[in-house]
């Protein structure tokens, strides 16, 4: 392939037999970008050329480029090809038509607040996507030159040369990259690893420059140089650009919510709007039009809350720190308490990720349930309006308290939730039946060992046995899921270990008990071996523990009936 000089491809040359170079459209410190055309497909592409020495210098490698090829977002160009070409690496990606915000700024000067806000929200959504990857992708080099405004007014984030994957085991970045003035302090002071909050800093700096037209090297309050800017937006930019990461917004989902509600922080705006509403009400003097206006604002608020809710869920599901994950789920709950996704995420991922529900976690869950909403009701009471969603939550909370609560003998909360699930009429039939039987068994826990005034025991161990074995009927792994199946089988086995003598005295025969243990073994042999291999690996330890417990249970049963024979 011909080159015009050491680092520039010659116009008219063809790379990889299909991309014809048309012209140079951009240059950076370590790369040249060309406009190319795939003549067979009649489609334009951008080709970025990076010298291999520069690849090493920028800590760019094949793994990171392959990671970038997987990115799919409306505000991020897709990489479609990577070509090794002698001493250079050629990256073929979507060609983005438009002007960089750097060029827009030079052409127009300081830009309108609403336009900058819209761009910031689009970029924030792109960062929510990047930071939610596993592992998270940190962009690190946000500046006007790296953002393109397309003809339709939307923006695209280009040049991922400084992007890296976040690695929790590292104290700081391997290589310091970023543009001075825009880069966060941790990028060049060696004070810690860049993370989502680094991109938040860069976005704050860029907003400052776009709104004021001033250099980003001397940050100051927005309203000092641009009094017309909203006080709420001034506060947001100020928080984004704090020197200490801990004082910034902690996720782009949180920042996105702030951007969508910036007017709430602006007292002057609220006073002005209140005056307008009063004037509007007098002028219209009609309940119908007031009602129409209310519906319009409700529709706008609903749209904002929906997008923010989804952003919090996305951020929670991919948070690096446990407290950050729980915090995002709680914010989503507070925003839309009637939707079940955040409640289920909080329970499953926030509290049960280690398969144990602690007393502290139980208290935190209760605190969220009894929090008051803007409507003066508890979050739980609003959640209960979603009958199907609340039934699912009650079922899973009941199972959590029954099987995974650290106070194993305390089944009070389990019984309450399971009763709600069983009577909901909104679950699968087998789930409602299981909830009903578990509720009965939870009741046994509170009565075992107690006697009435006449000295009679409260519990019939024969009835207890029947309810316990009913729970283990069928292919539970298929009817429910593998984890639920294992904990239910373990409940049966552990109760045989601890209650074999009581069951025996209540008329449960040795063969009945051994048959149940045999059925558990058969389920372990047949119901799990065809499941997903990754899930099988995760559950293997529990399967092995259950097998060992079943062997122990057989010995206990033999011992119980051997003693009965000796006593006879």
Protein backbone atom coordinates (compact mmCIF):
# COMPACT_ATOMS: atom_id res chain seq x y z
CA UNK A 1 0.00 0.00 0.00
CA UNK A 2 1.32 3.47 -0.88
CA UNK A 3 1.83 6.16 1.74
CA UNK A 4 2.34 9.86 1.13
CA UNK A 5 4.74 10.05 4.10
CA UNK A 6 5.69 8.04 7.19
CA UNK A 7 2.29 8.26 8.81
CA UNK A 8 -0.24 9.30 6.15
CA UNK A 9 -2.04 6.96 3.76
CA UNK A 10 -2.14 8.18 0.17
CA UNK A 11 -5.47 9.31 -1.28
CA UNK A 12 -6.80 6.70 -3.70
CA UNK A 13 -5.04 3.78 -2.00
CA UNK A 14 -7.13 0.76 -1.00
CA UNK A 15 -6.72 -1.02 2.30
CA UNK A 16 -7.72 -4.61 2.93
CA UNK A 17 -8.99 -4.77 -0.63
CA UNK A 18 -12.19 -2.85 0.10
CA UNK A 19 -11.69 0.54 1.78
CA UNK A 20 -10.57 3.31 -0.63
CA UNK A 21 -8.93 6.28 1.11
CA UNK A 22 -10.47 9.59 0.00
CA UNK A 23 -8.97 12.28 2.25
CA UNK A 24 -7.62 13.19 5.69
CA UNK A 25 -10.44 14.45 7.93
CA UNK A 26 -8.66 14.71 11.26
CA UNK A 27 -5.38 14.55 13.13
CA UNK A 28 -4.54 13.88 16.75
CA UNK A 29 -1.38 13.55 18.78
CA UNK A 30 -1.08 9.85 18.03
CA UNK A 31 -3.38 9.25 15.07
CA UNK A 32 -4.64 10.34 11.66
CA UNK A 33 -8.28 9.89 10.60
CA UNK A 34 -9.27 9.39 6.97
CA UNK A 35 -12.53 9.38 5.09
CA UNK A 36 -12.81 6.10 3.17
CA UNK A 37 -15.42 4.43 1.02
CA UNK A 38 -16.39 0.81 0.63
CA UNK A 39 -17.17 1.03 -3.06
CA UNK A 40 -19.01 -2.29 -3.21
CA UNK A 41 -21.36 -1.26 -0.41
CA UNK A 42 -21.36 2.41 -1.48
CA UNK A 43 -20.86 3.44 2.16
CA UNK A 44 -18.52 5.95 3.82
CA UNK A 45 -16.33 4.93 6.75
CA UNK A 46 -13.79 6.65 8.98
CA UNK A 47 -10.38 4.95 9.17
CA UNK A 48 -8.17 5.80 12.13
CA UNK A 49 -4.46 5.09 11.72
CA UNK A 50 -2.36 4.60 14.86
CA UNK A 51 1.34 3.80 14.76
CA UNK A 52 2.22 0.66 16.70
CA UNK A 53 4.71 2.59 18.81
CA UNK A 54 1.90 4.98 19.74
CA UNK A 55 -0.40 2.03 20.52
CA UNK A 56 2.08 0.82 23.13
CA UNK A 57 2.59 4.36 24.42
CA UNK A 58 -1.15 4.88 24.89
CA UNK A 59 -1.63 1.44 26.44
CA UNK A 60 -3.90 0.49 23.54
CA UNK A 61 -3.91 -3.21 22.75
CA UNK A 62 -5.89 -5.76 20.86
CA UNK A 63 -8.01 -6.69 23.88
CA UNK A 64 -9.16 -3.12 24.42
CA UNK A 65 -9.97 -2.63 20.74
CA UNK A 66 -11.95 -5.87 20.72
CA UNK A 67 -13.80 -4.55 23.75
CA UNK A 68 -14.63 -1.36 21.84
CA UNK A 69 -15.94 -3.39 18.90
CA UNK A 70 -18.71 -4.69 21.16
CA UNK A 71 -20.05 -1.23 22.04
CA UNK A 72 -23.48 -0.49 20.58
CA UNK A 73 -25.08 2.84 21.48
CA UNK A 74 -26.70 5.64 19.43
CA UNK A 75 -24.10 8.15 20.68
CA UNK A 76 -21.06 5.93 20.07
CA UNK A 77 -19.64 5.06 16.61
CA UNK A 78 -19.37 1.33 15.97
CA UNK A 79 -16.00 -0.21 15.14
CA UNK A 80 -16.46 -2.66 12.26
CA UNK A 81 -12.91 -3.70 11.38
CA UNK A 82 -9.36 -3.69 12.74
CA UNK A 83 -6.53 -4.10 10.22
CA UNK A 84 -2.83 -4.72 10.89
CA UNK A 85 -0.86 -2.78 8.28
CA UNK A 86 2.90 -2.91 8.67
CA UNK A 87 3.85 -0.44 11.37
CA UNK A 88 0.31 0.84 11.87
CA UNK A 89 -3.01 -0.30 13.22
CA UNK A 90 -6.05 0.76 11.16
CA UNK A 91 -9.42 0.99 12.90
CA UNK A 92 -12.46 1.18 10.61
CA UNK A 93 -15.53 2.75 12.19
CA UNK A 94 -18.77 4.58 11.43
CA UNK A 95 -18.23 7.88 9.65
CA UNK A 96 -19.93 10.62 11.65
CA UNK A 97 -21.02 13.58 9.56
CA UNK A 98 -21.13 16.91 11.33
CA UNK A 99 -19.07 19.47 13.25
CA UNK A 100 -17.10 18.93 16.43
CA UNK A 101 -18.37 20.95 19.40
CA UNK A 102 -14.95 22.59 19.36
CA UNK A 103 -15.70 23.95 15.87
CA UNK A 104 -19.26 24.86 16.89
CA UNK A 105 -17.89 26.81 19.85
CA UNK A 106 -15.40 28.70 17.67
CA UNK A 107 -18.11 29.49 15.14
CA UNK A 108 -20.91 30.55 17.50
CA UNK A 109 -19.25 31.40 20.84
CA UNK A 110 -21.04 30.63 24.13
CA UNK A 111 -23.98 28.34 23.44
CA UNK A 112 -27.60 28.43 24.69
CA UNK A 113 -28.30 26.70 27.97
CA UNK A 114 -31.04 24.41 26.63
CA UNK A 115 -28.82 23.16 23.78
CA UNK A 116 -25.92 22.42 26.15
CA UNK A 117 -28.30 20.68 28.54
CA UNK A 118 -29.64 18.44 25.78
CA UNK A 119 -26.12 17.52 24.66
CA UNK A 120 -25.07 16.85 28.26
CA UNK A 121 -28.03 14.50 28.81
CA UNK A 122 -27.23 12.57 25.63
CA UNK A 123 -23.59 12.18 26.69
CA UNK A 124 -24.70 11.23 30.19
CA UNK A 125 -26.81 8.40 28.77
CA UNK A 126 -23.83 7.23 26.72
CA UNK A 127 -21.70 7.21 29.88
CA UNK A 128 -24.38 5.30 31.81
CA UNK A 129 -24.11 2.67 29.06
CA UNK A 130 -20.28 2.64 29.09
CA UNK A 131 -20.05 2.52 32.88
CA UNK A 132 -22.59 -0.32 32.99
CA UNK A 133 -20.44 -2.63 30.87
CA UNK A 134 -18.76 -5.53 32.65
CA UNK A 135 -16.12 -4.37 33.38
CA UNK A 136 -17.06 -0.67 33.16
CA UNK A 137 -15.50 1.39 30.34
CA UNK A 138 -14.09 4.77 31.42
CA UNK A 139 -13.79 7.26 28.53
CA UNK A 140 -11.30 9.67 30.25
CA UNK A 141 -10.86 12.25 27.46
CA UNK A 142 -14.14 14.15 27.07
CA UNK A 143 -13.68 17.55 25.42
CA UNK A 144 -15.48 19.52 22.67
CA UNK A 145 -13.08 18.23 20.01
CA UNK A 146 -14.17 14.64 20.76
CA UNK A 147 -17.90 15.25 20.40
CA UNK A 148 -19.60 15.65 17.00
CA UNK A 149 -22.92 17.43 16.49
CA UNK A 150 -24.73 15.69 13.66
CA UNK A 151 -27.10 17.44 11.22
CA UNK A 152 -30.13 16.24 13.25
CA UNK A 153 -28.79 17.94 16.41
CA UNK A 154 -27.78 14.77 18.24
CA UNK A 155 -24.19 14.23 19.37
CA UNK A 156 -21.69 11.40 18.96
CA UNK A 157 -18.77 10.58 21.22
CA UNK A 158 -15.66 9.89 19.11
CA UNK A 159 -11.99 8.98 19.69
CA UNK A 160 -11.78 6.23 22.28
CA UNK A 161 -7.98 6.37 22.28
CA UNK A 162 -7.82 7.07 26.02
CA UNK A 163 -10.67 4.75 27.08
CA UNK A 164 -9.90 1.95 29.53
CA UNK A 165 -11.66 -0.74 31.50
CA UNK A 166 -12.14 -0.09 35.20
CA UNK A 167 -10.33 -2.68 37.33
CA UNK A 168 -11.25 -2.74 41.04
CA UNK A 169 -7.94 -4.38 41.98
CA UNK A 170 -5.87 -1.40 40.81
CA UNK A 171 -4.99 1.62 42.95
CA UNK A 172 -4.33 3.94 40.00
CA UNK A 173 -4.16 4.05 36.20
CA UNK A 174 -1.26 2.35 34.46
CA UNK A 175 -0.87 5.28 32.07
CA UNK A 176 -2.01 8.86 32.69
CA UNK A 177 -4.08 10.03 29.74
CA UNK A 178 -6.46 12.91 29.19
CA UNK A 179 -6.29 16.51 28.08
CA UNK A 180 -5.03 19.08 30.58
CA UNK A 181 -7.76 21.49 31.55
CA UNK A 182 -10.46 18.87 30.93
CA UNK A 183 -8.85 15.94 32.77
CA UNK A 184 -9.83 15.25 36.38
CA UNK A 185 -7.12 15.69 39.06
CA UNK A 186 -6.80 11.91 39.61
CA UNK A 187 -5.75 11.52 35.96
CA UNK A 188 -2.50 13.40 36.36
CA UNK A 189 -1.84 13.63 40.11
CA UNK A 190 -1.67 9.88 40.74
CA UNK A 191 -4.25 10.16 43.54
CA UNK A 192 -6.29 7.17 42.46
CA UNK A 193 -7.71 5.14 39.58
CA UNK A 194 -9.97 6.89 37.10
CA UNK A 195 -13.59 5.73 37.35
CA UNK A 196 -17.10 6.91 36.46
CA UNK A 197 -16.58 10.06 38.51
CA UNK A 198 -13.63 10.96 36.27
CA UNK A 199 -15.94 11.17 33.25
CA UNK A 200 -18.38 13.21 35.35
CA UNK A 201 -15.62 15.76 36.05
CA UNK A 202 -14.74 16.02 32.35
CA UNK A 203 -18.41 16.50 31.42
CA UNK A 204 -18.74 19.28 33.99
CA UNK A 205 -15.68 21.07 32.58
CA UNK A 206 -16.98 20.78 29.02
CA UNK A 207 -20.39 22.15 30.04
CA UNK A 208 -18.65 25.12 31.64
CA UNK A 209 -16.73 25.87 28.43
CA UNK A 210 -19.75 25.45 26.14
CA UNK A 211 -21.94 27.70 28.29
CA UNK A 212 -19.36 30.45 28.85
CA UNK A 213 -17.05 30.24 25.85
CA UNK A 214 -14.16 30.56 28.32
CA UNK A 215 -11.03 28.41 28.67
CA UNK A 216 -11.51 25.39 30.93
CA UNK A 217 -8.16 26.04 32.63
CA UNK A 218 -9.68 28.52 35.08
CA UNK A 219 -12.93 27.20 36.41
CA UNK A 220 -15.21 29.52 38.38
CA UNK A 221 -18.93 29.67 39.15
CA UNK A 222 -20.93 29.78 35.93
CA UNK A 223 -23.02 32.76 36.94
CA UNK A 224 -19.96 34.92 37.53
CA UNK A 225 -19.27 34.99 33.82
CA UNK A 226 -22.77 34.16 32.53
CA UNK A 227 -25.48 35.53 34.89
CA UNK A 228 -28.29 34.27 32.67
CA UNK A 229 -27.42 30.63 33.36
CA UNK A 230 -29.76 28.86 35.76
CA UNK A 231 -28.61 28.72 39.39
CA UNK A 232 -29.55 25.05 39.40
CA UNK A 233 -27.30 24.32 36.43
CA UNK A 234 -24.51 26.34 38.04
CA UNK A 235 -24.78 24.11 41.13
CA UNK A 236 -24.65 20.95 38.98
CA UNK A 237 -21.49 22.03 37.11
CA UNK A 238 -19.90 23.07 40.40
CA UNK A 239 -20.54 19.64 41.91
CA UNK A 240 -19.30 17.80 38.81
CA UNK A 241 -15.96 19.61 38.95
CA UNK A 242 -15.11 19.12 42.62
CA UNK A 243 -11.47 18.15 43.16
CA UNK A 244 -12.33 15.22 45.46
CA UNK A 245 -14.16 12.40 43.69
CA UNK A 246 -16.24 11.71 46.77
CA UNK A 247 -17.82 15.18 46.51
CA UNK A 248 -18.96 14.79 42.88
CA UNK A 249 -22.01 12.94 41.65
CA UNK A 250 -21.25 9.28 42.26
CA UNK A 251 -22.77 7.94 39.04
CA UNK A 252 -23.92 9.26 35.69
CA UNK A 253 -27.43 8.03 36.50
CA UNK A 254 -27.44 10.40 39.46
CA UNK A 255 -26.07 13.22 37.30
CA UNK A 256 -28.65 12.53 34.58
CA UNK A 257 -31.43 12.82 37.15
CA UNK A 258 -29.98 16.16 38.33
CA UNK A 259 -29.79 17.49 34.76
CA UNK A 260 -33.40 16.51 34.13
CA UNK A 261 -34.45 18.29 37.34
CA UNK A 262 -32.02 21.22 37.38
CA UNK A 263 -34.88 23.70 37.70
CA UNK A 264 -35.78 22.26 41.10
CA UNK A 265 -32.51 23.69 42.44
CA UNK A 266 -33.25 27.16 41.12
CA UNK A 267 -35.33 29.13 43.65
CA UNK A 268 -35.79 32.07 41.36
CA UNK A 269 -37.19 29.78 38.69
CA UNK A 270 -39.66 28.21 41.12
CA UNK A 271 -40.92 31.62 42.25
CA UNK A 272 -41.29 32.73 38.66
CA UNK A 273 -43.17 29.57 37.74
CA UNK A 274 -45.47 29.91 40.74
CA UNK A 275 -46.37 33.46 39.66
CA UNK A 276 -46.97 32.26 36.11
CA UNK A 277 -49.25 29.45 37.28
CA UNK A 278 -51.31 31.86 39.41
CA UNK A 279 -51.65 34.29 36.54
CA UNK A 280 -52.48 31.42 34.23
CA UNK A 281 -55.19 30.17 36.58
CA UNK A 282 -56.85 33.59 36.86
CA UNK A 283 -56.67 34.17 33.14
CA UNK A 284 -58.13 30.82 32.20
CA UNK A 285 -60.58 30.64 35.12
CA UNK A 286 -61.69 27.26 33.99
CA UNK A 287 -61.25 23.93 35.70
CA UNK A 288 -61.18 22.09 32.40
CA UNK A 289 -58.15 23.95 31.08
CA UNK A 290 -56.42 23.70 34.45
CA UNK A 291 -57.03 19.98 34.35
CA UNK A 292 -55.59 19.78 30.84
CA UNK A 293 -52.51 21.70 31.96
CA UNK A 294 -52.12 19.35 34.93
CA UNK A 295 -52.30 16.35 32.64
CA UNK A 296 -49.68 17.87 30.35
CA UNK A 297 -47.24 18.46 33.22
CA UNK A 298 -47.99 15.04 34.64
CA UNK A 299 -47.13 13.52 31.26
CA UNK A 300 -43.82 15.39 31.16
CA UNK A 301 -43.00 14.37 34.73
CA UNK A 302 -43.88 10.75 33.98
CA UNK A 303 -41.51 10.73 30.99
CA UNK A 304 -38.65 12.16 33.05
CA UNK A 305 -39.24 9.79 35.93
CA UNK A 306 -39.37 6.79 33.60
CA UNK A 307 -36.03 7.58 31.94
CA UNK A 308 -34.40 8.33 35.31
CA UNK A 309 -35.80 5.11 36.78
CA UNK A 310 -34.26 3.05 33.97
CA UNK A 311 -30.94 4.88 34.40
CA UNK A 312 -30.86 4.07 38.13
CA UNK A 313 -31.61 0.41 37.43
CA UNK A 314 -28.83 0.21 34.86
CA UNK A 315 -26.35 1.88 37.19
CA UNK A 316 -27.37 -0.32 40.13
CA UNK A 317 -27.02 -3.56 38.22
CA UNK A 318 -23.46 -2.71 37.27
CA UNK A 319 -22.18 -0.79 40.29
CA UNK A 320 -18.67 -1.57 41.47
CA UNK A 321 -19.33 -0.88 45.17
CA UNK A 322 -22.10 -2.64 47.12
CA UNK A 323 -23.33 0.55 48.83
CA UNK A 324 -23.50 2.33 45.48
CA UNK A 325 -25.56 -0.55 44.07
CA UNK A 326 -28.01 -0.51 46.99
CA UNK A 327 -28.21 3.29 46.86
CA UNK A 328 -29.17 3.27 43.18
CA UNK A 329 -31.86 0.63 43.74
CA UNK A 330 -33.27 2.69 46.64
CA UNK A 331 -33.31 5.87 44.51
CA UNK A 332 -35.20 3.99 41.80
CA UNK A 333 -37.70 2.71 44.40
CA UNK A 334 -38.22 6.23 45.74
CA UNK A 335 -38.80 7.52 42.21
CA UNK A 336 -41.30 4.83 41.15
CA UNK A 337 -42.38 2.84 44.25
CA UNK A 338 -45.16 1.04 42.38
CA UNK A 339 -42.80 -0.70 39.90
CA UNK A 340 -41.33 -4.03 40.96
CA UNK A 341 -37.97 -4.09 39.09
CA UNK A 342 -36.10 -1.99 41.65
CA UNK A 343 -37.66 -3.81 44.61
CA UNK A 344 -36.68 -7.21 43.20
CA UNK A 345 -33.19 -5.95 42.31
CA UNK A 346 -32.71 -4.57 45.83
CA UNK A 347 -33.72 -7.91 47.34
CA UNK A 348 -31.93 -10.25 44.91
CA UNK A 349 -28.75 -8.33 44.09
CA UNK A 350 -28.52 -5.81 46.90
CA UNK A 351 -29.14 -8.09 49.88
CA UNK A 352 -29.09 -11.72 48.70
CA UNK A 353 -25.97 -11.68 46.51
CA UNK A 354 -24.20 -13.76 49.20
CA UNK A 355 -27.25 -16.02 49.71
CA UNK A 356 -27.73 -14.68 53.26
CA UNK A 357 -30.23 -12.13 54.56
CA UNK A 358 -28.77 -10.56 57.70
CA UNK A 359 -30.72 -8.80 60.44
CA UNK A 360 -29.12 -5.52 59.35
CA UNK A 361 -30.23 -6.07 55.73
CA UNK A 362 -33.71 -6.97 56.93
CA UNK A 363 -33.87 -3.69 58.87
CA UNK A 364 -32.69 -1.70 55.83
CA UNK A 365 -35.33 -3.36 53.66
CA UNK A 366 -37.97 -2.46 56.20
CA UNK A 367 -36.75 1.15 56.30
CA UNK A 368 -37.27 1.45 52.54
CA UNK A 369 -40.72 -0.13 52.76
CA UNK A 370 -41.94 2.34 55.39
CA UNK A 371 -40.44 5.49 53.83
CA UNK A 372 -43.01 8.11 52.93
CA UNK A 373 -43.49 9.25 49.33
CA UNK A 374 -44.49 12.67 47.99
CA UNK A 375 -48.11 11.50 48.19
CA UNK A 376 -47.87 11.06 51.96
CA UNK A 377 -48.02 7.25 51.78
CA UNK A 378 -45.42 4.60 52.48
CA UNK A 379 -43.45 3.12 49.60
CA UNK A 380 -44.91 -0.29 50.44
CA UNK A 381 -48.50 0.92 50.28
CA UNK A 382 -47.89 2.41 46.81
CA UNK A 383 -46.11 -0.79 45.75
CA UNK A 384 -49.15 -2.83 46.81
CA UNK A 385 -51.18 -1.07 44.12
CA UNK A 386 -49.15 -3.14 41.62
CA UNK A 387 -50.81 -6.38 42.68
CA UNK A 388 -48.82 -8.73 40.43
CA UNK A 389 -45.48 -7.03 41.10
CA UNK A 390 -46.06 -6.96 44.85
CA UNK A 391 -47.09 -10.64 44.80
CA UNK A 392 -43.78 -11.57 43.12
CA UNK A 393 -41.88 -9.52 45.69
CA UNK A 394 -43.82 -11.07 48.60
CA UNK A 395 -43.09 -14.57 47.25
CA UNK A 396 -39.36 -13.93 46.91
CA UNK A 397 -39.16 -12.08 50.24
CA UNK A 398 -40.98 -14.99 51.88
CA UNK A 399 -38.48 -17.49 50.43
CA UNK A 400 -35.59 -15.25 51.53
CA UNK A 401 -36.83 -15.06 55.12
CA UNK A 402 -37.67 -18.77 55.16
CA UNK A 403 -34.42 -20.15 53.76
CA UNK A 404 -31.77 -17.43 53.96
CA UNK A 405 -32.46 -15.34 57.06
CA UNK A 406 -29.55 -15.56 59.51
CA UNK A 407 -31.99 -16.07 62.39
CA UNK A 408 -33.02 -19.46 61.00
CA UNK A 409 -35.61 -20.22 63.66
CA UNK A 410 -37.43 -16.90 63.23
CA UNK A 411 -39.99 -17.51 60.48
CA UNK A 412 -42.38 -14.72 61.47
CA UNK A 413 -41.57 -12.45 58.51
CA UNK A 414 -41.49 -15.45 56.18
CA UNK A 415 -45.01 -16.45 57.20
CA UNK A 416 -46.38 -12.92 56.68
CA UNK A 417 -44.96 -12.54 53.17
CA UNK A 418 -45.81 -16.11 52.12
CA UNK A 419 -49.41 -15.68 53.22
CA UNK A 420 -49.69 -12.55 51.06
CA UNK A 421 -48.19 -14.42 48.10
CA UNK A 422 -50.43 -17.47 48.55
CA UNK A 423 -53.59 -15.35 48.66
CA UNK A 424 -52.60 -12.95 45.85
CA UNK A 425 -54.12 -14.84 42.91
CA UNK A 426 -51.38 -13.28 40.73
CA UNK A 427 -48.69 -15.99 40.72
CA UNK A 428 -48.29 -19.32 38.97
CA UNK A 429 -50.41 -22.03 40.61
CA UNK A 430 -47.40 -24.04 41.77
CA UNK A 431 -45.88 -20.91 43.35
CA UNK A 432 -49.05 -20.08 45.26
CA UNK A 433 -49.36 -23.67 46.44
CA UNK A 434 -45.71 -23.68 47.51
CA UNK A 435 -46.15 -20.37 49.33
CA UNK A 436 -49.18 -21.81 51.15
CA UNK A 437 -47.27 -24.94 52.28
CA UNK A 438 -44.22 -22.91 53.32
CA UNK A 439 -46.51 -20.62 55.29
CA UNK A 440 -47.86 -23.67 57.13
CA UNK A 441 -44.32 -24.87 57.86
CA UNK A 442 -43.30 -21.42 59.07
CA UNK A 443 -46.16 -21.71 61.53
CA UNK A 444 -44.74 -25.01 62.82
CA UNK A 445 -41.46 -23.28 63.68
CA UNK A 446 -43.26 -20.93 66.06
CA UNK A 447 -45.11 -23.80 67.76
CA UNK A 448 -42.49 -26.57 67.97
CA UNK A 449 -41.56 -27.26 71.59
CA UNK A 450 -44.57 -25.42 73.02
CA UNK A 451 -47.49 -26.97 74.91
CA UNK A 452 -50.94 -25.72 75.77
CA UNK A 453 -52.44 -25.29 79.24
CA UNK A 454 -53.38 -28.98 79.35
CA UNK A 455 -49.82 -30.03 78.60
CA UNK A 456 -50.52 -31.12 75.02
CA UNK A 457 -48.04 -30.17 72.29
CA UNK A 458 -49.18 -27.66 69.68
CA UNK A 459 -47.54 -29.46 66.76
CA UNK A 460 -48.56 -32.70 65.06
CA UNK A 461 -45.29 -33.99 63.64
CA UNK A 462 -47.23 -36.28 61.32
CA UNK A 463 -48.94 -33.23 59.75
CA UNK A 464 -45.61 -31.43 59.73
CA UNK A 465 -44.06 -34.35 57.81
CA UNK A 466 -46.85 -34.39 55.23
CA UNK A 467 -46.54 -30.66 54.55
CA UNK A 468 -42.75 -30.90 54.39
CA UNK A 469 -42.72 -33.74 51.86
CA UNK A 470 -45.42 -32.10 49.72
CA UNK A 471 -42.98 -29.23 49.17
CA UNK A 472 -40.45 -31.57 47.57
CA UNK A 473 -42.76 -33.17 45.04
CA UNK A 474 -42.04 -32.81 41.33
CA UNK A 475 -39.14 -31.32 39.41
CA UNK A 476 -38.61 -28.13 41.42
CA UNK A 477 -35.64 -27.04 39.30
CA UNK A 478 -37.94 -26.93 36.28
CA UNK A 479 -41.05 -25.64 38.05
CA UNK A 480 -39.24 -22.86 39.89
CA UNK A 481 -35.43 -22.64 39.58
CA UNK A 482 -32.29 -24.53 40.56
CA UNK A 483 -31.54 -22.42 43.65
CA UNK A 484 -35.06 -22.72 45.07
CA UNK A 485 -35.02 -26.46 44.41
CA UNK A 486 -31.77 -26.91 46.34
CA UNK A 487 -32.89 -24.94 49.38
CA UNK A 488 -36.20 -26.81 49.53
CA UNK A 489 -34.47 -30.19 49.33
CA UNK A 490 -32.02 -29.03 52.00
CA UNK A 491 -34.92 -28.03 54.25
CA UNK A 492 -36.37 -31.54 54.02
CA UNK A 493 -33.02 -33.22 54.63
CA UNK A 494 -32.04 -30.95 57.53
CA UNK A 495 -35.41 -31.49 59.22
CA UNK A 496 -34.95 -35.27 58.99
CA UNK A 497 -31.53 -34.84 60.61
CA UNK A 498 -32.90 -32.74 63.47
CA UNK A 499 -36.44 -34.21 63.87
CA UNK A 500 -36.11 -37.90 62.94
CA UNK A 501 -37.09 -39.05 66.44
CA UNK A 502 -40.18 -36.78 66.56
CA UNK A 503 -41.25 -37.97 63.09
CA UNK A 504 -40.72 -41.58 64.16
CA UNK A 505 -42.83 -41.14 67.28
CA UNK A 506 -45.58 -39.51 65.19
CA UNK A 507 -45.87 -42.66 63.05
CA UNK A 508 -43.58 -41.78 60.13
CA UNK A 509 -41.87 -45.04 59.15
CA UNK A 510 -38.22 -45.63 58.40
CA UNK A 511 -38.95 -46.51 54.78
CA UNK A 512 -40.93 -43.29 54.32
CA UNK A 513 -37.96 -41.21 55.43
CA UNK A 514 -35.42 -43.17 53.42
CA UNK A 515 -37.67 -42.96 50.34
CA UNK A 516 -37.74 -39.17 50.60
CA UNK A 517 -33.94 -39.10 50.87
CA UNK A 518 -33.73 -41.39 47.86
CA UNK A 519 -36.00 -39.04 45.88
CA UNK A 520 -33.73 -36.11 46.72
CA UNK A 521 -30.74 -38.07 45.35
CA UNK A 522 -32.65 -38.85 42.16
CA UNK A 523 -33.52 -35.19 41.68
CA UNK A 524 -29.87 -34.24 42.10
CA UNK A 525 -28.88 -36.85 39.50
CA UNK A 526 -31.52 -35.99 36.92
CA UNK A 527 -32.74 -32.40 37.33
CA UNK A 528 -29.48 -30.48 37.37
CA UNK A 529 -27.05 -32.23 35.01
CA UNK A 530 -28.69 -30.78 31.86
CA UNK A 531 -28.69 -27.20 33.16
CA UNK A 532 -26.45 -24.38 32.00
CA UNK A 533 -22.83 -25.33 32.65
CA UNK A 534 -22.02 -21.97 34.25
CA UNK A 535 -24.95 -22.27 36.65
CA UNK A 536 -23.96 -25.88 37.40
CA UNK A 537 -20.49 -24.66 38.38
CA UNK A 538 -21.94 -22.02 40.70
CA UNK A 539 -24.32 -24.45 42.40
CA UNK A 540 -21.96 -27.43 42.56
CA UNK A 541 -20.81 -26.63 46.09
CA UNK A 542 -24.40 -26.56 47.34
CA UNK A 543 -25.19 -29.79 45.49
CA UNK A 544 -22.20 -31.50 47.15
CA UNK A 545 -23.23 -30.20 50.58
CA UNK A 546 -26.77 -31.48 50.04
CA UNK A 547 -25.46 -34.94 49.10
CA UNK A 548 -23.36 -35.04 52.27
CA UNK A 549 -26.35 -33.93 54.36
CA UNK A 550 -28.48 -36.69 52.80
CA UNK A 551 -25.88 -39.31 53.79
CA UNK A 552 -25.89 -37.92 57.32
CA UNK A 553 -29.71 -38.02 57.37
CA UNK A 554 -29.68 -41.72 56.40
CA UNK A 555 -27.40 -42.44 59.38
CA UNK A 556 -29.68 -40.47 61.69
CA UNK A 557 -32.74 -42.40 60.49
CA UNK A 558 -30.92 -45.73 61.01
CA UNK A 559 -29.93 -44.59 64.49
CA UNK A 560 -33.46 -43.46 65.38
CA UNK A 561 -35.06 -46.77 64.39
CA UNK A 562 -32.24 -48.86 65.83
CA UNK A 563 -32.85 -47.18 69.19
CA UNK A 564 -36.57 -47.84 68.82
CA UNK A 565 -35.81 -51.54 68.35
CA UNK A 566 -33.52 -51.58 71.34
CA UNK A 567 -36.13 -49.82 73.47
CA UNK A 568 -38.76 -52.31 72.30
